[in-house]
Amino acid sequence: MPREELAADEVLAALEPHIQSGFIEVRRLAGPGFEARPSLVITVAGRGAGSVGLVGSHFDVVPADREAQGWSRDPFTLQVQDDGMLYGRGVTDCLGHVALVTELLQSLAEGNRRPNRSVHAVLIANEEAVPVPGVGLDHVLEVGAMEPLRTGPIFWLDSTDFGPTVGTGGVARWDLFVTGVAGHSGMPQNCVNALELGMAAAQSLVGWFQDAYPAHPDEAAYGYPCPSSLKATVLDAPNRGFTTVPGQVRVTGDIRLTPFYEMEQVLQGARAFVAGLDQAFERGQPPAGFPAVRTADGRRGTIRLETSERFMEGIACDLGSAGLAALEAAMRQVRGPQGVNRHAVTFALPLVRDLQRLGFDVQIAGYGIAQALHAPDECARLDDFAQGFSILREVIERL
C-alpha cells in the first residue's frame, strides 16, 4: 500500500519557509483512515481574478521489481548521469513532475512576485491504482477543494514528450467465456472445440467493432495515430493434451476508444453482439466459416461476454481554450517555432475526463519520456524538466 505522505512531506519541507511567510497556502487532505495517503492543494494567491490549475502530478508510482522486470539499476535510487539523464521509478511518472511543480512554487515565492491569477497546484495520491473512496482526487473533489480552479484552465501535468496532449483514449476490459464439449481429437464429431470457437467468436467481435466504430471524422483534428480498437490480448485454455479437444476457454482483451464514442454504449453493444451469436448457435445458424457448434448427438457450445464494471474514458480537450493557446505560445517562446507537437494518444489517462465532465477546462502536458512509462530503467531528461519549468512560468505570466 503506498504511503504518499513520504513524498508529500518532502514537498512541504521544501516549501515550509514560504508557508511560514504566508506567501504559499497549503491544505493537506486525507480522508479518515487514510492519513498516510494525503493529497496537497497548494495555492499562491494572485493579484487579480481567475485561476491557473496545475493538477494531476501524483505521489504514488507503479510497482518495480528489479529482478522480475529486468532493471539494470536500482528502481528506488535516483541516479543522475553526467548527460543529465535521470533514472529511477517515478522520474517520468510522476515524481519528476511533483518536483517540477515544487520548484515552480518555490520560484514564485523567492521572487516575491504574485502572479496575475491565483495558482493552485493539486498534487494527488492514488493515481496509479484502482480508485479508493476517500483517497486522491476523489477526496479533493468531495471536500470542495477543486472549486477555486473553475475560474481558469487546468493543466494536467502527467503526460510526456511536451505535446501538448490534446486527446486520450478510454479503456475497458472484456472476457469471452467459451464452453465447448471436450473429447478425443480422433472423434471430432463428438466434440465442440472451445479453442476454435473462441477464436472465431473473438474475430467476429473484432469485425463487429470495426464496422460499428470506425475512425471518427474528428480524430484527425486531434492527431490520433490510430482509430479505436478492440482486440484479444490473453488466451486461457487449460488443456495440455494435444489429442484432447478443449472444452473450456477464456479470451480476454481490451477496448481502446477515442472520446467521440461512448464507452457504455460500446460495452452494451458488444455484449448484445455476442449474445446474438450464441442465439444463432441455438438456432443452428452459426455464421459462415465458424467451426462446428454442435456434436453429432446435439450438444452445443456456448459463448458469453462479460465486460468490466470499471472503465476509463478518453478526453478531447477544448482546442479553442485560452489555456491551450497560452500553453502553445509559451512552448514556442521556450522551445522555438517548431517546439509544439500537438497530438493525441489512444492510451488512457485516469481522472481527466471526470474533471471535464464536471465543467473544468482540462489541458494536458508533461515533460517525461513516453517510452519510459511504467518501464524498467524508467528515465527522464533534466533538460526537459528545465524547459517545462520555463514553459509553466511563461504560461502563468500570459494568463
Protein backbone atom coordinates (compact mmCIF):
# COMPACT_ATOMS: atom_id res chain seq x y z
CA MET A 1 0.00 0.00 0.00
CA PRO A 2 1.53 3.35 -0.99
CA ARG A 3 2.40 5.87 1.71
CA GLU A 4 2.15 9.08 -0.27
CA GLU A 5 2.96 11.03 2.90
CA LEU A 6 6.63 10.19 2.30
CA ALA A 7 6.71 12.30 -0.87
CA ALA A 8 4.19 14.88 0.38
CA ASP A 9 6.37 15.60 3.42
CA GLU A 10 9.34 16.28 1.13
CA VAL A 11 7.28 18.86 -0.76
CA LEU A 12 6.07 20.51 2.43
CA ALA A 13 9.61 20.68 3.83
CA ALA A 14 10.85 22.40 0.68
CA LEU A 15 8.01 24.94 0.81
CA GLU A 16 8.00 25.45 4.60
CA PRO A 17 9.73 28.88 4.66
CA HIS A 18 7.21 30.27 2.19
CA ILE A 19 4.29 28.69 4.03
CA GLN A 20 5.51 30.36 7.21
CA SER A 21 5.82 33.71 5.43
CA GLY A 22 2.24 33.44 4.19
CA PHE A 23 3.14 33.60 0.50
CA ILE A 24 2.03 29.99 -0.01
CA GLU A 25 -1.07 28.37 1.48
CA VAL A 26 -1.40 24.60 1.82
CA ARG A 27 -4.24 22.21 2.51
CA ARG A 28 -3.26 18.64 3.35
CA LEU A 29 -6.26 16.46 2.50
CA ALA A 30 -6.67 12.84 3.52
CA GLY A 31 -9.84 11.02 4.40
CA PRO A 32 -10.36 9.35 7.79
CA GLY A 33 -8.29 6.19 7.97
CA PHE A 34 -6.07 7.31 5.09
CA GLU A 35 -3.87 9.79 6.90
CA ALA A 36 -0.76 8.27 5.31
CA ARG A 37 -2.19 8.93 1.83
CA PRO A 38 -2.63 12.71 1.58
CA SER A 39 -3.10 14.99 -1.38
CA LEU A 40 -1.85 18.57 -1.25
CA VAL A 41 -3.64 21.67 -2.54
CA ILE A 42 -1.04 24.44 -2.68
CA THR A 43 -2.09 28.00 -3.50
CA VAL A 44 -0.25 31.18 -4.43
CA ALA A 45 -2.82 33.95 -4.33
CA GLY A 46 -2.86 36.20 -7.41
CA ARG A 47 -3.17 39.93 -7.78
CA GLY A 48 -6.43 39.68 -9.71
CA ALA A 49 -9.30 37.38 -10.54
CA GLY A 50 -9.09 33.97 -12.16
CA SER A 51 -7.02 30.87 -11.62
CA VAL A 52 -4.37 28.65 -13.14
CA GLY A 53 -4.51 25.00 -12.08
CA LEU A 54 -1.51 22.68 -12.05
CA VAL A 55 -3.15 19.33 -11.35
CA GLY A 56 -2.52 15.63 -11.68
CA SER A 57 1.11 15.18 -10.68
CA HIS A 58 0.93 12.29 -8.24
CA PHE A 59 2.93 10.91 -5.34
CA ASP A 60 2.36 7.19 -5.98
CA VAL A 61 4.28 5.12 -8.52
CA VAL A 62 3.73 1.73 -10.13
CA PRO A 63 5.48 -1.25 -8.52
CA ALA A 64 9.00 -2.15 -9.56
CA ASP A 65 10.84 -5.47 -9.23
CA ARG A 66 14.45 -5.28 -10.30
CA GLU A 67 14.88 -8.99 -10.98
CA ALA A 68 11.47 -9.89 -12.42
CA GLN A 69 11.23 -6.80 -14.63
CA GLY A 70 14.85 -6.77 -15.76
CA TRP A 71 16.03 -3.46 -14.31
CA SER A 72 19.73 -2.80 -14.76
CA ARG A 73 19.59 -0.18 -11.98
CA ASP A 74 18.09 0.10 -8.51
CA PRO A 75 14.49 1.24 -9.19
CA PHE A 76 14.26 3.23 -5.95
CA THR A 77 17.55 5.12 -6.01
CA LEU A 78 17.67 8.30 -8.08
CA GLN A 79 20.65 8.17 -10.41
CA VAL A 80 21.79 11.30 -12.23
CA GLN A 81 24.08 10.79 -15.21
CA ASP A 82 26.64 13.30 -16.45
CA ASP A 83 24.48 13.95 -19.52
CA GLY A 84 21.50 14.92 -17.35
CA MET A 85 19.58 11.68 -17.66
CA LEU A 86 17.64 10.78 -14.53
CA TYR A 87 16.95 7.12 -13.70
CA GLY A 88 14.59 5.68 -11.11
CA ARG A 89 10.98 4.64 -10.64
CA GLY A 90 8.82 7.76 -10.81
CA VAL A 91 11.13 10.21 -12.57
CA THR A 92 8.77 10.34 -15.55
CA ASP A 93 5.58 9.08 -13.86
CA CYS A 94 5.19 11.17 -11.89
CA LEU A 95 7.59 12.32 -9.15
CA GLY A 96 9.63 14.32 -11.65
CA HIS A 97 6.54 16.44 -12.21
CA VAL A 98 5.93 16.71 -8.46
CA ALA A 99 9.47 18.05 -8.09
CA LEU A 100 8.96 20.42 -11.03
CA VAL A 101 5.77 21.91 -9.54
CA THR A 102 7.51 22.29 -6.17
CA GLU A 103 10.42 24.15 -7.78
CA LEU A 104 7.99 26.38 -9.66
CA LEU A 105 6.15 27.35 -6.48
CA GLN A 106 9.45 28.00 -4.72
CA SER A 107 10.49 30.25 -7.58
CA LEU A 108 7.32 32.32 -7.32
CA ALA A 109 7.82 32.72 -3.60
CA GLU A 110 11.52 33.55 -3.80
CA GLY A 111 10.80 36.28 -6.33
CA ASN A 112 8.03 37.61 -4.07
CA ARG A 113 6.01 38.43 -7.16
CA ARG A 114 2.43 37.34 -7.08
CA PRO A 115 1.01 36.13 -10.41
CA ASN A 116 -1.92 37.77 -12.19
CA ARG A 117 -4.19 34.81 -11.42
CA SER A 118 -4.08 32.60 -8.36
CA VAL A 119 -2.03 29.46 -8.96
CA HIS A 120 -3.44 26.28 -7.46
CA ALA A 121 -1.25 23.18 -7.54
CA VAL A 122 -3.03 19.92 -6.69
CA LEU A 123 -0.61 17.05 -6.04
CA ILE A 124 -2.56 13.85 -5.60
CA ALA A 125 -2.44 10.42 -4.05
CA ASN A 126 -3.81 7.21 -5.55
CA GLU A 127 -3.50 7.88 -9.28
CA GLU A 128 -1.98 4.60 -10.39
CA ALA A 129 -4.24 2.09 -8.64
CA VAL A 130 -7.97 1.44 -8.71
CA PRO A 131 -9.75 4.47 -7.17
CA VAL A 132 -10.24 4.19 -3.43
CA PRO A 133 -13.04 6.27 -1.83
CA GLY A 134 -11.54 8.89 0.44
CA VAL A 135 -8.15 8.90 -1.29
CA GLY A 136 -6.72 11.10 -4.03
CA LEU A 137 -8.57 13.40 -6.39
CA ASP A 138 -11.94 11.89 -5.44
CA HIS A 139 -11.44 13.17 -1.90
CA VAL A 140 -10.17 16.58 -3.08
CA LEU A 141 -13.36 16.98 -5.10
CA GLU A 142 -15.53 15.67 -2.29
CA VAL A 143 -14.36 18.33 0.17
CA GLY A 144 -14.76 21.11 -2.41
CA ALA A 145 -11.07 21.92 -2.72
CA MET A 146 -11.24 21.98 -6.54
CA GLU A 147 -13.88 24.71 -6.70
CA PRO A 148 -11.38 27.63 -6.81
CA LEU A 149 -9.94 26.10 -10.01
CA ARG A 150 -13.14 26.65 -12.00
CA THR A 151 -12.12 30.21 -12.94
CA GLY A 152 -9.37 29.25 -15.35
CA PRO A 153 -7.71 26.40 -17.22
CA ILE A 154 -6.31 23.31 -15.55
CA PHE A 155 -3.03 21.93 -16.84
CA TRP A 156 -2.90 18.21 -16.11
CA LEU A 157 0.83 17.52 -15.63
CA ASP A 158 1.12 13.76 -16.06
CA SER A 159 1.97 13.28 -19.71
CA THR A 160 5.17 13.06 -21.74
CA ASP A 161 7.15 14.43 -24.67
CA PHE A 162 5.88 18.02 -24.20
CA GLY A 163 2.91 17.65 -26.56
CA PRO A 164 0.54 19.19 -25.71
CA THR A 165 -1.55 16.03 -25.48
CA VAL A 166 -4.96 17.21 -26.67
CA GLY A 167 -6.72 13.85 -26.62
CA THR A 168 -6.55 10.46 -24.94
CA GLY A 169 -8.35 7.14 -25.24
CA GLY A 170 -10.71 5.25 -23.00
CA VAL A 171 -10.07 1.68 -21.94
CA ALA A 172 -12.25 -1.23 -20.84
CA ARG A 173 -11.66 -4.94 -20.38
CA TRP A 174 -13.74 -7.77 -21.79
CA ASP A 175 -13.78 -11.52 -21.16
CA LEU A 176 -15.24 -14.02 -23.61
CA PHE A 177 -16.16 -17.28 -21.86
CA VAL A 178 -16.44 -20.25 -24.21
CA THR A 179 -17.84 -23.65 -23.27
CA GLY A 180 -17.43 -26.47 -25.74
CA VAL A 181 -17.58 -30.24 -25.47
CA ALA A 182 -14.26 -31.82 -24.59
CA GLY A 183 -13.25 -35.16 -26.07
CA HIS A 184 -10.77 -37.19 -28.06
CA SER A 185 -9.39 -35.34 -31.07
CA GLY A 186 -9.74 -38.53 -33.07
CA MET A 187 -13.53 -38.32 -32.71
CA PRO A 188 -14.27 -34.69 -33.54
CA GLN A 189 -17.92 -35.46 -34.26
CA ASN A 190 -18.31 -35.92 -30.50
CA CYS A 191 -16.67 -32.59 -29.64
CA VAL A 192 -17.16 -28.85 -29.84
CA ASN A 193 -13.71 -27.29 -29.91
CA ALA A 194 -13.84 -24.40 -27.45
CA LEU A 195 -10.47 -23.07 -28.65
CA GLU A 196 -11.57 -22.80 -32.28
CA LEU A 197 -14.98 -21.48 -31.28
CA GLY A 198 -13.42 -18.83 -29.06
CA MET A 199 -11.02 -17.70 -31.79
CA ALA A 200 -13.84 -17.44 -34.33
CA ALA A 201 -16.11 -15.59 -31.90
CA ALA A 202 -13.34 -13.16 -30.91
CA GLN A 203 -12.57 -12.43 -34.56
CA SER A 204 -16.27 -11.84 -35.26
CA LEU A 205 -16.41 -9.47 -32.29
CA VAL A 206 -13.46 -7.52 -33.72
CA GLY A 207 -15.22 -7.29 -37.08
CA TRP A 208 -18.44 -6.06 -35.44
CA PHE A 209 -16.49 -3.38 -33.57
CA GLN A 210 -14.64 -2.15 -36.63
CA ASP A 211 -17.90 -1.82 -38.56
CA ALA A 212 -19.77 -0.14 -35.70
CA TYR A 213 -16.97 2.18 -34.52
CA PRO A 214 -14.76 3.13 -37.47
CA ALA A 215 -12.31 6.02 -37.50
CA HIS A 216 -14.24 9.08 -36.38
CA PRO A 217 -14.01 12.24 -38.53
CA ASP A 218 -12.96 14.33 -35.52
CA GLU A 219 -9.90 12.20 -34.77
CA ALA A 220 -7.79 13.83 -37.49
CA ALA A 221 -8.09 17.30 -35.95
CA TYR A 222 -6.61 15.98 -32.69
CA GLY A 223 -3.84 13.94 -34.27
CA TYR A 224 -4.86 10.48 -33.12
CA PRO A 225 -2.32 8.00 -34.54
CA CYS A 226 -4.94 5.26 -34.92
CA PRO A 227 -8.70 4.83 -34.50
CA SER A 228 -10.48 2.99 -31.71
CA SER A 229 -9.69 -0.69 -31.38
CA LEU A 230 -10.99 -3.90 -29.85
CA LYS A 231 -8.52 -6.73 -29.60
CA ALA A 232 -7.82 -10.03 -27.87
CA THR A 233 -4.74 -9.97 -25.65
CA VAL A 234 -4.90 -13.10 -23.46
CA LEU A 235 -5.95 -16.68 -24.24
CA ASP A 236 -6.55 -19.04 -21.33
CA ALA A 237 -7.09 -22.63 -22.48
CA PRO A 238 -6.36 -25.03 -19.60
CA ASN A 239 -5.69 -28.04 -21.81
CA ARG A 240 -2.32 -29.78 -22.04
CA GLY A 241 -3.21 -32.84 -24.10
CA PHE A 242 -2.57 -32.40 -27.80
CA THR A 243 -5.00 -35.22 -28.57
CA THR A 244 -7.72 -33.70 -26.38
CA VAL A 245 -10.18 -31.17 -27.77
CA PRO A 246 -10.52 -28.38 -25.16
CA GLY A 247 -13.90 -27.80 -23.61
CA GLN A 248 -13.27 -24.52 -21.75
CA VAL A 249 -11.55 -21.37 -23.00
CA ARG A 250 -11.46 -17.75 -21.91
CA VAL A 251 -10.36 -14.99 -24.27
CA THR A 252 -9.56 -11.65 -22.64
CA GLY A 253 -8.97 -8.35 -24.38
CA ASP A 254 -9.43 -4.62 -24.22
CA ILE A 255 -11.24 -1.80 -25.96
CA ARG A 256 -9.40 1.45 -26.68
CA LEU A 257 -11.92 4.11 -27.55
CA THR A 258 -11.47 7.67 -28.77
CA PRO A 259 -13.63 10.15 -26.86
CA PHE A 260 -16.03 10.73 -29.72
CA TYR A 261 -17.79 7.48 -28.86
CA GLU A 262 -19.44 6.49 -25.57
CA MET A 263 -17.86 3.54 -23.79
CA GLU A 264 -21.06 2.38 -22.09
CA GLN A 265 -22.80 2.18 -25.46
CA VAL A 266 -19.91 0.14 -26.88
CA LEU A 267 -19.95 -2.31 -23.99
CA GLN A 268 -23.69 -2.82 -24.26
CA GLY A 269 -23.36 -3.38 -27.99
CA ALA A 270 -20.53 -5.88 -27.58
CA ARG A 271 -22.46 -7.92 -25.04
CA ALA A 272 -25.53 -7.89 -27.29
CA PHE A 273 -23.49 -8.97 -30.32
CA VAL A 274 -22.04 -11.99 -28.51
CA ALA A 275 -25.45 -12.89 -27.10
CA GLY A 276 -26.82 -12.77 -30.64
CA LEU A 277 -24.08 -15.13 -31.83
CA ASP A 278 -24.95 -17.56 -29.06
CA GLN A 279 -28.61 -17.42 -30.04
CA ALA A 280 -27.62 -18.19 -33.63
CA PHE A 281 -25.83 -21.30 -32.34
CA GLU A 282 -29.02 -22.36 -30.60
CA ARG A 283 -30.97 -21.97 -33.85
CA GLY A 284 -28.35 -23.97 -35.70
CA GLN A 285 -27.37 -20.95 -37.79
CA PRO A 286 -23.77 -20.05 -36.94
CA PRO A 287 -22.14 -17.54 -39.28
CA ALA A 288 -20.31 -18.87 -42.33
CA GLY A 289 -16.80 -20.01 -41.57
CA PHE A 290 -17.47 -20.89 -37.91
CA PRO A 291 -16.35 -24.28 -36.59
CA ALA A 292 -18.91 -26.88 -35.58
CA VAL A 293 -21.02 -25.66 -32.66
CA ARG A 294 -22.87 -28.95 -32.03
CA THR A 295 -21.81 -32.55 -31.59
CA ALA A 296 -23.35 -35.38 -33.56
CA ASP A 297 -25.67 -36.13 -30.64
CA GLY A 298 -26.87 -32.49 -30.35
CA ARG A 299 -24.80 -30.97 -27.54
CA ARG A 300 -23.73 -27.43 -28.37
CA GLY A 301 -21.10 -24.92 -27.42
CA THR A 302 -21.91 -21.61 -25.75
CA ILE A 303 -20.28 -18.18 -25.62
CA ARG A 304 -20.79 -15.35 -23.14
CA LEU A 305 -19.19 -11.90 -22.94
CA GLU A 306 -18.57 -10.08 -19.67
CA THR A 307 -17.25 -6.51 -19.56
CA SER A 308 -15.56 -4.66 -16.73
CA GLU A 309 -17.75 -2.60 -14.46
CA ARG A 310 -14.95 -0.05 -14.13
CA PHE A 311 -13.57 1.66 -17.19
CA MET A 312 -11.79 4.87 -18.07
CA GLU A 313 -12.99 7.33 -20.67
CA GLY A 314 -10.83 9.32 -23.03
CA ILE A 315 -10.82 13.08 -23.31
CA ALA A 316 -10.88 15.53 -26.19
CA CYS A 317 -9.50 18.79 -24.87
CA ASP A 318 -11.05 22.11 -25.87
CA LEU A 319 -8.97 23.22 -28.85
CA GLY A 320 -10.36 26.74 -28.51
CA SER A 321 -9.28 27.12 -24.89
CA ALA A 322 -7.31 30.18 -23.84
CA GLY A 323 -5.31 27.78 -21.71
CA LEU A 324 -4.22 25.76 -24.73
CA ALA A 325 -3.33 28.94 -26.62
CA ALA A 326 -1.22 30.17 -23.71
CA LEU A 327 0.49 26.80 -23.35
CA GLU A 328 1.43 26.59 -27.02
CA ALA A 329 2.60 30.21 -27.11
CA ALA A 330 4.79 29.53 -24.09
CA MET A 331 6.21 26.41 -25.73
CA ARG A 332 7.14 28.36 -28.85
CA GLN A 333 8.75 31.03 -26.70
CA VAL A 334 10.86 28.48 -24.82
CA ARG A 335 11.43 25.78 -27.44
CA GLY A 336 11.29 27.70 -30.70
CA PRO A 337 8.75 27.80 -33.56
CA GLN A 338 8.86 24.02 -34.02
CA GLY A 339 8.57 23.29 -30.32
CA VAL A 340 4.85 22.45 -30.32
CA ASN A 341 3.82 18.90 -31.17
CA ARG A 342 0.07 18.84 -30.62
CA HIS A 343 -1.03 15.21 -30.63
CA ALA A 344 -3.39 12.65 -29.16
CA VAL A 345 -2.88 9.14 -27.80
CA THR A 346 -5.15 6.13 -27.51
CA PHE A 347 -3.85 5.04 -24.11
CA ALA A 348 -5.79 6.18 -21.07
CA LEU A 349 -5.12 8.88 -18.50
CA PRO A 350 -7.27 8.45 -15.41
CA LEU A 351 -9.43 11.23 -13.99
CA VAL A 352 -9.13 13.82 -16.77
CA ARG A 353 -12.49 13.06 -18.40
CA ASP A 354 -14.12 13.10 -14.98
CA LEU A 355 -12.89 16.66 -14.43
CA GLN A 356 -14.02 17.72 -17.90
CA ARG A 357 -17.49 16.32 -17.28
CA LEU A 358 -17.59 18.40 -14.10
CA GLY A 359 -17.04 21.53 -16.17
CA PHE A 360 -13.30 22.11 -15.81
CA ASP A 361 -11.20 23.23 -18.79
CA VAL A 362 -8.56 20.49 -18.80
CA GLN A 363 -5.40 20.71 -20.90
CA ILE A 364 -2.66 18.07 -20.76
CA ALA A 365 1.12 18.43 -20.81
CA GLY A 366 4.15 16.66 -19.42
CA TYR A 367 7.92 16.50 -19.62
CA GLY A 368 8.84 12.86 -19.11
CA ILE A 369 9.63 10.26 -21.77
CA ALA A 370 6.74 8.23 -23.19
CA GLN A 371 8.79 5.07 -23.73
CA ALA A 372 9.83 5.12 -20.07
CA LEU A 373 6.28 4.97 -18.69
CA HIS A 374 5.91 2.00 -16.32
CA ALA A 375 9.04 0.52 -17.88
CA PRO A 376 12.22 -0.99 -16.46
CA ASP A 377 15.01 1.60 -16.13
CA GLU A 378 12.45 4.42 -16.09
CA CYS A 379 14.17 7.64 -17.04
CA ALA A 380 13.72 11.30 -17.91
CA ARG A 381 15.88 14.20 -19.03
CA LEU A 382 16.68 17.00 -16.60
CA ASP A 383 16.84 19.44 -19.53
CA ASP A 384 13.23 18.56 -20.44
CA PHE A 385 12.05 19.40 -16.95
CA ALA A 386 14.04 22.63 -17.09
CA GLN A 387 12.19 23.56 -20.26
CA GLY A 388 8.93 22.52 -18.63
CA PHE A 389 9.72 24.85 -15.74
CA SER A 390 10.23 27.77 -18.14
CA ILE A 391 7.07 26.90 -20.08
CA LEU A 392 4.91 26.88 -16.97
CA ARG A 393 6.39 30.15 -15.74
CA GLU A 394 5.58 31.67 -19.12
CA VAL A 395 2.02 30.27 -19.04
CA ILE A 396 1.43 31.83 -15.63
CA GLU A 397 2.69 35.18 -16.91
CA ARG A 398 0.48 35.05 -20.01
CA LEU A 399 -2.79 34.20 -18.32
